[in-house]
């Protein structure tokens, strides 16, 4: 999944326009996407994810919205 796809997903979840996205010049070593192959753990340990990436992002965003007082203390310290 490309980084831009994740950022767009977050904007949609928050009801924000994609016009808020600021594009920056690529830098050496800049990842365009992150890819994880969980095939080995699925095969060897019979593991399956409990939710999709999309559901995980939605739940993470919801947690941060519901726990604003907790994380605001960290960034204002």
PDB file of N, CA and C in Angstrom:
ATOM      1  N   UNK A   1       0.845  -1.167   0.000  1.00  0.00           N
ATOM      2  CA  UNK A   1       0.000   0.000   0.000  1.00  0.00           C
ATOM      3  C   UNK A   1       0.897   1.239   0.000  1.00  0.00           C
ATOM      4  N   UNK A   2       0.608   2.156  -0.872  1.00  0.00           N
ATOM      5  CA  UNK A   2       1.424   3.372  -0.952  1.00  0.00           C
ATOM      6  C   UNK A   2       1.065   4.325   0.186  1.00  0.00           C
ATOM      7  N   UNK A   3       2.054   5.107   0.610  1.00  0.00           N
ATOM      8  CA  UNK A   3       1.834   6.073   1.681  1.00  0.00           C
ATOM      9  C   UNK A   3       0.678   7.009   1.352  1.00  0.00           C
ATOM     10  N   UNK A   4       0.605   7.472   0.112  1.00  0.00           N
ATOM     11  CA  UNK A   4      -0.443   8.410  -0.276  1.00  0.00           C
ATOM     12  C   UNK A   4      -1.821   7.778  -0.132  1.00  0.00           C
ATOM     13  N   UNK A   5      -1.927   6.483  -0.385  1.00  0.00           N
ATOM     14  CA  UNK A   5      -3.209   5.796  -0.225  1.00  0.00           C
ATOM     15  C   UNK A   5      -3.641   5.778   1.242  1.00  0.00           C
ATOM     16  N   UNK A   6      -2.680   5.594   2.136  1.00  0.00           N
ATOM     17  CA  UNK A   6      -2.982   5.598   3.570  1.00  0.00           C
ATOM     18  C   UNK A   6      -3.398   6.994   4.020  1.00  0.00           C
ATOM     19  N   UNK A   7      -2.687   8.011   3.547  1.00  0.00           N
ATOM     20  CA  UNK A   7      -3.027   9.395   3.908  1.00  0.00           C
ATOM     21  C   UNK A   7      -4.419   9.749   3.405  1.00  0.00           C
ATOM     22  N   UNK A   8      -4.744   9.342   2.203  1.00  0.00           N
ATOM     23  CA  UNK A   8      -6.091   9.598   1.666  1.00  0.00           C
ATOM     24  C   UNK A   8      -7.154   8.885   2.492  1.00  0.00           C
ATOM     25  N   UNK A   9      -6.859   7.673   2.919  1.00  0.00           N
ATOM     26  CA  UNK A   9      -7.779   6.911   3.752  1.00  0.00           C
ATOM     27  C   UNK A   9      -8.025   7.647   5.074  1.00  0.00           C
ATOM     28  N   UNK A  10      -6.970   8.184   5.670  1.00  0.00           N
ATOM     29  CA  UNK A  10      -7.091   8.928   6.919  1.00  0.00           C
ATOM     30  C   UNK A  10      -7.921  10.191   6.703  1.00  0.00           C
ATOM     31  N   UNK A  11      -7.677  10.915   5.622  1.00  0.00           N
ATOM     32  CA  UNK A  11      -8.472  12.110   5.322  1.00  0.00           C
ATOM     33  C   UNK A  11      -9.952  11.761   5.199  1.00  0.00           C
ATOM     34  N   UNK A  12     -10.256  10.687   4.480  1.00  0.00           N
ATOM     35  CA  UNK A  12     -11.661  10.269   4.326  1.00  0.00           C
ATOM     36  C   UNK A  12     -12.282   9.941   5.676  1.00  0.00           C
ATOM     37  N   UNK A  13     -11.549   9.210   6.491  1.00  0.00           N
ATOM     38  CA  UNK A  13     -12.061   8.795   7.802  1.00  0.00           C
ATOM     39  C   UNK A  13     -12.341  10.009   8.693  1.00  0.00           C
ATOM     40  N   UNK A  14     -11.521  11.039   8.572  1.00  0.00           N
ATOM     41  CA  UNK A  14     -11.695  12.245   9.381  1.00  0.00           C
ATOM     42  C   UNK A  14     -12.640  13.256   8.738  1.00  0.00           C
ATOM     43  N   UNK A  15     -13.091  12.951   7.513  1.00  0.00           N
ATOM     44  CA  UNK A  15     -13.965  13.884   6.811  1.00  0.00           C
ATOM     45  C   UNK A  15     -13.241  15.143   6.378  1.00  0.00           C
ATOM     46  N   UNK A  16     -11.953  15.014   6.103  1.00  0.00           N
ATOM     47  CA  UNK A  16     -11.122  16.157   5.701  1.00  0.00           C
ATOM     48  C   UNK A  16     -10.826  16.082   4.212  1.00  0.00           C
ATOM     49  N   UNK A  17     -10.662  17.236   3.556  1.00  0.00           N
ATOM     50  CA  UNK A  17     -10.360  17.230   2.126  1.00  0.00           C
ATOM     51  C   UNK A  17      -8.905  16.833   1.857  1.00  0.00           C
ATOM     52  N   UNK A  18      -8.703  16.189   0.739  1.00  0.00           N
ATOM     53  CA  UNK A  18      -7.342  15.804   0.353  1.00  0.00           C
ATOM     54  C   UNK A  18      -6.473  17.020   0.053  1.00  0.00           C
ATOM     55  N   UNK A  19      -7.089  18.188  -0.097  1.00  0.00           N
ATOM     56  CA  UNK A  19      -6.317  19.405  -0.348  1.00  0.00           C
ATOM     57  C   UNK A  19      -5.429  19.761   0.849  1.00  0.00           C
ATOM     58  N   UNK A  20      -5.661  19.148   1.998  1.00  0.00           N
ATOM     59  CA  UNK A  20      -4.806  19.372   3.166  1.00  0.00           C
ATOM     60  C   UNK A  20      -3.464  18.652   3.052  1.00  0.00           C
ATOM     61  N   UNK A  21      -3.358  17.725   2.131  1.00  0.00           N
ATOM     62  CA  UNK A  21      -2.128  16.959   1.956  1.00  0.00           C
ATOM     63  C   UNK A  21      -1.053  17.865   1.372  1.00  0.00           C
ATOM     64  N   UNK A  22       0.107  17.882   2.008  1.00  0.00           N
ATOM     65  CA  UNK A  22       1.244  18.658   1.522  1.00  0.00           C
ATOM     66  C   UNK A  22       2.262  17.686   0.940  1.00  0.00           C
ATOM     67  N   UNK A  23       2.564  17.866  -0.311  1.00  0.00           N
ATOM     68  CA  UNK A  23       3.543  17.009  -0.974  1.00  0.00           C
ATOM     69  C   UNK A  23       4.935  17.586  -0.771  1.00  0.00           C
ATOM     70  N   UNK A  24       5.884  16.724  -0.514  1.00  0.00           N
ATOM     71  CA  UNK A  24       7.274  17.136  -0.321  1.00  0.00           C
ATOM     72  C   UNK A  24       8.139  16.416  -1.347  1.00  0.00           C
ATOM     73  N   UNK A  25       9.287  16.987  -1.614  1.00  0.00           N
ATOM     74  CA  UNK A  25      10.217  16.360  -2.558  1.00  0.00           C
ATOM     75  C   UNK A  25      10.731  15.046  -1.970  1.00  0.00           C
ATOM     76  N   UNK A  26      10.905  14.060  -2.832  1.00  0.00           N
ATOM     77  CA  UNK A  26      11.467  12.801  -2.377  1.00  0.00           C
ATOM     78  C   UNK A  26      12.878  13.027  -1.871  1.00  0.00           C
ATOM     79  N   UNK A  27      13.247  12.257  -0.898  1.00  0.00           N
ATOM     80  CA  UNK A  27      14.606  12.315  -0.370  1.00  0.00           C
ATOM     81  C   UNK A  27      15.224  10.927  -0.506  1.00  0.00           C
ATOM     82  N   UNK A  28      16.505  10.860  -0.443  1.00  0.00           N
ATOM     83  CA  UNK A  28      17.205   9.591  -0.563  1.00  0.00           C
ATOM     84  C   UNK A  28      16.698   8.626   0.515  1.00  0.00           C
ATOM     85  N   UNK A  29      16.308   7.461   0.087  1.00  0.00           N
ATOM     86  CA  UNK A  29      15.811   6.454   1.013  1.00  0.00           C
ATOM     87  C   UNK A  29      14.348   6.618   1.378  1.00  0.00           C
ATOM     88  N   UNK A  30      13.661   7.541   0.739  1.00  0.00           N
ATOM     89  CA  UNK A  30      12.248   7.800   1.025  1.00  0.00           C
ATOM     90  C   UNK A  30      11.410   6.637   0.501  1.00  0.00           C
ATOM     91  N   UNK A  31      10.650   6.030   1.383  1.00  0.00           N
ATOM     92  CA  UNK A  31       9.812   4.895   0.991  1.00  0.00           C
ATOM     93  C   UNK A  31       8.526   5.392   0.355  1.00  0.00           C
ATOM     94  N   UNK A  32       8.177   4.833  -0.781  1.00  0.00           N
ATOM     95  CA  UNK A  32       6.911   5.161  -1.419  1.00  0.00           C
ATOM     96  C   UNK A  32       5.782   4.315  -0.851  1.00  0.00           C
ATOM     97  N   UNK A  33       6.138   3.164  -0.318  1.00  0.00           N
ATOM     98  CA  UNK A  33       5.143   2.278   0.267  1.00  0.00           C
ATOM     99  C   UNK A  33       5.838   1.349   1.247  1.00  0.00           C
ATOM    100  N   UNK A  34       5.043   0.728   2.093  1.00  0.00           N
ATOM    101  CA  UNK A  34       5.547  -0.267   3.018  1.00  0.00           C
ATOM    102  C   UNK A  34       4.821  -1.571   2.714  1.00  0.00           C
ATOM    103  N   UNK A  35       5.561  -2.637   2.636  1.00  0.00           N
ATOM    104  CA  UNK A  35       4.954  -3.919   2.310  1.00  0.00           C
ATOM    105  C   UNK A  35       5.399  -4.963   3.333  1.00  0.00           C
ATOM    106  N   UNK A  36       4.428  -5.695   3.820  1.00  0.00           N
ATOM    107  CA  UNK A  36       4.709  -6.759   4.776  1.00  0.00           C
ATOM    108  C   UNK A  36       4.175  -8.059   4.192  1.00  0.00           C
ATOM    109  N   UNK A  37       5.013  -9.061   4.179  1.00  0.00           N
ATOM    110  CA  UNK A  37       4.586 -10.383   3.735  1.00  0.00           C
ATOM    111  C   UNK A  37       4.388 -11.233   4.980  1.00  0.00           C
ATOM    112  N   UNK A  38       3.138 -11.469   5.335  1.00  0.00           N
ATOM    113  CA  UNK A  38       2.873 -12.266   6.531  1.00  0.00           C
ATOM    114  C   UNK A  38       2.607 -13.730   6.188  1.00  0.00           C
ATOM    115  N   UNK A  39       2.976 -14.132   4.987  1.00  0.00           N
ATOM    116  CA  UNK A  39       2.747 -15.511   4.544  1.00  0.00           C
ATOM    117  C   UNK A  39       3.419 -16.553   5.418  1.00  0.00           C
ATOM    118  N   UNK A  40       4.644 -16.273   5.863  1.00  0.00           N
ATOM    119  CA  UNK A  40       5.376 -17.254   6.660  1.00  0.00           C
ATOM    120  C   UNK A  40       4.704 -17.478   8.018  1.00  0.00           C
ATOM    121  N   UNK A  41       4.310 -16.407   8.675  1.00  0.00           N
ATOM    122  CA  UNK A  41       3.660 -16.566   9.982  1.00  0.00           C
ATOM    123  C   UNK A  41       2.291 -17.224   9.820  1.00  0.00           C
ATOM    124  N   UNK A  42       1.611 -16.958   8.711  1.00  0.00           N
ATOM    125  CA  UNK A  42       0.324 -17.601   8.475  1.00  0.00           C
ATOM    126  C   UNK A  42       0.500 -19.100   8.287  1.00  0.00           C
ATOM    127  N   UNK A  43       1.521 -19.482   7.527  1.00  0.00           N
ATOM    128  CA  UNK A  43       1.769 -20.887   7.241  1.00  0.00           C
ATOM    129  C   UNK A  43       2.305 -21.635   8.455  1.00  0.00           C
ATOM    130  N   UNK A  44       3.330 -21.087   9.092  1.00  0.00           N
ATOM    131  CA  UNK A  44       4.001 -21.799  10.177  1.00  0.00           C
ATOM    132  C   UNK A  44       3.199 -21.822  11.478  1.00  0.00           C
ATOM    133  N   UNK A  45       2.467 -20.744  11.757  1.00  0.00           N
ATOM    134  CA  UNK A  45       1.752 -20.656  13.024  1.00  0.00           C
ATOM    135  C   UNK A  45       0.241 -20.653  12.869  1.00  0.00           C
ATOM    136  N   UNK A  46      -0.213 -20.822  11.640  1.00  0.00           N
ATOM    137  CA  UNK A  46      -1.647 -20.811  11.351  1.00  0.00           C
ATOM    138  C   UNK A  46      -2.288 -19.523  11.870  1.00  0.00           C
ATOM    139  N   UNK A  47      -1.574 -18.413  11.696  1.00  0.00           N
ATOM    140  CA  UNK A  47      -2.030 -17.105  12.174  1.00  0.00           C
ATOM    141  C   UNK A  47      -2.815 -16.395  11.088  1.00  0.00           C
ATOM    142  N   UNK A  48      -3.870 -15.722  11.494  1.00  0.00           N
ATOM    143  CA  UNK A  48      -4.647 -14.880  10.588  1.00  0.00           C
ATOM    144  C   UNK A  48      -4.881 -13.538  11.278  1.00  0.00           C
ATOM    145  N   UNK A  49      -4.815 -12.447  10.538  1.00  0.00           N
ATOM    146  CA  UNK A  49      -5.096 -11.148  11.153  1.00  0.00           C
ATOM    147  C   UNK A  49      -6.539 -11.093  11.650  1.00  0.00           C
ATOM    148  N   UNK A  50      -6.759 -10.355  12.719  1.00  0.00           N
ATOM    149  CA  UNK A  50      -8.092 -10.241  13.294  1.00  0.00           C
ATOM    150  C   UNK A  50      -8.934  -9.188  12.590  1.00  0.00           C
ATOM    151  N   UNK A  51      -8.292  -8.296  11.844  1.00  0.00           N
ATOM    152  CA  UNK A  51      -9.026  -7.252  11.129  1.00  0.00           C
ATOM    153  C   UNK A  51      -8.229  -6.830   9.907  1.00  0.00           C
ATOM    154  N   UNK A  52      -8.895  -6.153   8.999  1.00  0.00           N
ATOM    155  CA  UNK A  52      -8.215  -5.638   7.814  1.00  0.00           C
ATOM    156  C   UNK A  52      -7.414  -4.398   8.196  1.00  0.00           C
ATOM    157  N   UNK A  53      -6.510  -4.007   7.325  1.00  0.00           N
ATOM    158  CA  UNK A  53      -5.744  -2.785   7.547  1.00  0.00           C
ATOM    159  C   UNK A  53      -6.694  -1.593   7.671  1.00  0.00           C
ATOM    160  N   UNK A  54      -7.680  -1.539   6.791  1.00  0.00           N
ATOM    161  CA  UNK A  54      -8.632  -0.435   6.797  1.00  0.00           C
ATOM    162  C   UNK A  54      -9.374  -0.342   8.128  1.00  0.00           C
ATOM    163  N   UNK A  55      -9.829  -1.485   8.643  1.00  0.00           N
ATOM    164  CA  UNK A  55     -10.510  -1.482   9.932  1.00  0.00           C
ATOM    165  C   UNK A  55      -9.562  -1.048  11.048  1.00  0.00           C
ATOM    166  N   UNK A  56      -8.323  -1.501  10.976  1.00  0.00           N
ATOM    167  CA  UNK A  56      -7.327  -1.121  11.983  1.00  0.00           C
ATOM    168  C   UNK A  56      -7.067   0.378  11.989  1.00  0.00           C
ATOM    169  N   UNK A  57      -6.971   0.987  10.803  1.00  0.00           N
ATOM    170  CA  UNK A  57      -6.775   2.442  10.712  1.00  0.00           C
ATOM    171  C   UNK A  57      -7.988   3.157  11.290  1.00  0.00           C
ATOM    172  N   UNK A  58      -9.185   2.705  10.943  1.00  0.00           N
ATOM    173  CA  UNK A  58     -10.407   3.326  11.467  1.00  0.00           C
ATOM    174  C   UNK A  58     -10.456   3.258  12.990  1.00  0.00           C
ATOM    175  N   UNK A  59     -10.127   2.105  13.541  1.00  0.00           N
ATOM    176  CA  UNK A  59     -10.155   1.944  14.999  1.00  0.00           C
ATOM    177  C   UNK A  59      -9.075   2.772  15.674  1.00  0.00           C
ATOM    178  N   UNK A  60      -7.907   2.874  15.045  1.00  0.00           N
ATOM    179  CA  UNK A  60      -6.812   3.686  15.595  1.00  0.00           C
ATOM    180  C   UNK A  60      -7.201   5.161  15.613  1.00  0.00           C
ATOM    181  N   UNK A  61      -7.756   5.642  14.512  1.00  0.00           N
ATOM    182  CA  UNK A  61      -8.197   7.039  14.441  1.00  0.00           C
ATOM    183  C   UNK A  61      -9.251   7.297  15.510  1.00  0.00           C
ATOM    184  N   UNK A  62     -10.204   6.399  15.639  1.00  0.00           N
ATOM    185  CA  UNK A  62     -11.260   6.560  16.640  1.00  0.00           C
ATOM    186  C   UNK A  62     -10.680   6.631  18.039  1.00  0.00           C
ATOM    187  N   UNK A  63      -9.678   5.792  18.320  1.00  0.00           N
ATOM    188  CA  UNK A  63      -9.047   5.802  19.647  1.00  0.00           C
ATOM    189  C   UNK A  63      -8.419   7.165  19.919  1.00  0.00           C
ATOM    190  N   UNK A  64      -7.689   7.690  18.947  1.00  0.00           N
ATOM    191  CA  UNK A  64      -7.051   8.994  19.141  1.00  0.00           C
ATOM    192  C   UNK A  64      -8.084  10.103  19.310  1.00  0.00           C
ATOM    193  N   UNK A  65      -9.193  10.036  18.598  1.00  0.00           N
ATOM    194  CA  UNK A  65     -10.245  11.039  18.759  1.00  0.00           C
ATOM    195  C   UNK A  65     -10.882  10.952  20.148  1.00  0.00           C
ATOM    196  N   UNK A  66     -11.047   9.744  20.656  1.00  0.00           N
ATOM    197  CA  UNK A  66     -11.675   9.548  21.958  1.00  0.00           C
ATOM    198  C   UNK A  66     -10.717   9.789  23.125  1.00  0.00           C
ATOM    199  N   UNK A  67      -9.422   9.824  22.867  1.00  0.00           N
ATOM    200  CA  UNK A  67      -8.422   9.957  23.932  1.00  0.00           C
ATOM    201  C   UNK A  67      -7.536  11.175  23.731  1.00  0.00           C
ATOM    202  N   UNK A  68      -8.125  12.233  23.220  1.00  0.00           N
ATOM    203  CA  UNK A  68      -7.388  13.463  22.908  1.00  0.00           C
ATOM    204  C   UNK A  68      -6.643  14.017  24.129  1.00  0.00           C
ATOM    205  N   UNK A  69      -7.271  14.010  25.297  1.00  0.00           N
ATOM    206  CA  UNK A  69      -6.637  14.549  26.505  1.00  0.00           C
ATOM    207  C   UNK A  69      -5.341  13.814  26.823  1.00  0.00           C
ATOM    208  N   UNK A  70      -5.293  12.526  26.552  1.00  0.00           N
ATOM    209  CA  UNK A  70      -4.088  11.733  26.837  1.00  0.00           C
ATOM    210  C   UNK A  70      -2.939  12.145  25.934  1.00  0.00           C
ATOM    211  N   UNK A  71      -3.167  12.188  24.613  1.00  0.00           N
ATOM    212  CA  UNK A  71      -2.053  12.462  23.705  1.00  0.00           C
ATOM    213  C   UNK A  71      -1.695  13.938  23.635  1.00  0.00           C
ATOM    214  N   UNK A  72      -2.644  14.827  23.899  1.00  0.00           N
ATOM    215  CA  UNK A  72      -2.313  16.254  23.877  1.00  0.00           C
ATOM    216  C   UNK A  72      -1.308  16.598  24.978  1.00  0.00           C
ATOM    217  N   UNK A  73      -1.402  15.926  26.123  1.00  0.00           N
ATOM    218  CA  UNK A  73      -0.426  16.151  27.195  1.00  0.00           C
ATOM    219  C   UNK A  73       0.990  15.805  26.721  1.00  0.00           C
ATOM    220  N   UNK A  74       1.100  14.782  25.912  1.00  0.00           N
ATOM    221  CA  UNK A  74       2.417  14.350  25.443  1.00  0.00           C
ATOM    222  C   UNK A  74       3.044  15.363  24.492  1.00  0.00           C
ATOM    223  N   UNK A  75       2.237  15.933  23.595  1.00  0.00           N
ATOM    224  CA  UNK A  75       2.823  16.847  22.612  1.00  0.00           C
ATOM    225  C   UNK A  75       2.978  18.257  23.167  1.00  0.00           C
ATOM    226  N   UNK A  76       2.302  18.557  24.267  1.00  0.00           N
ATOM    227  CA  UNK A  76       2.409  19.875  24.876  1.00  0.00           C
ATOM    228  C   UNK A  76       3.414  19.911  26.027  1.00  0.00           C
ATOM    229  N   UNK A  77       4.061  18.778  26.266  1.00  0.00           N
ATOM    230  CA  UNK A  77       5.016  18.709  27.390  1.00  0.00           C
ATOM    231  C   UNK A  77       6.303  19.443  27.087  1.00  0.00           C
TER     232      UNK A  77
END
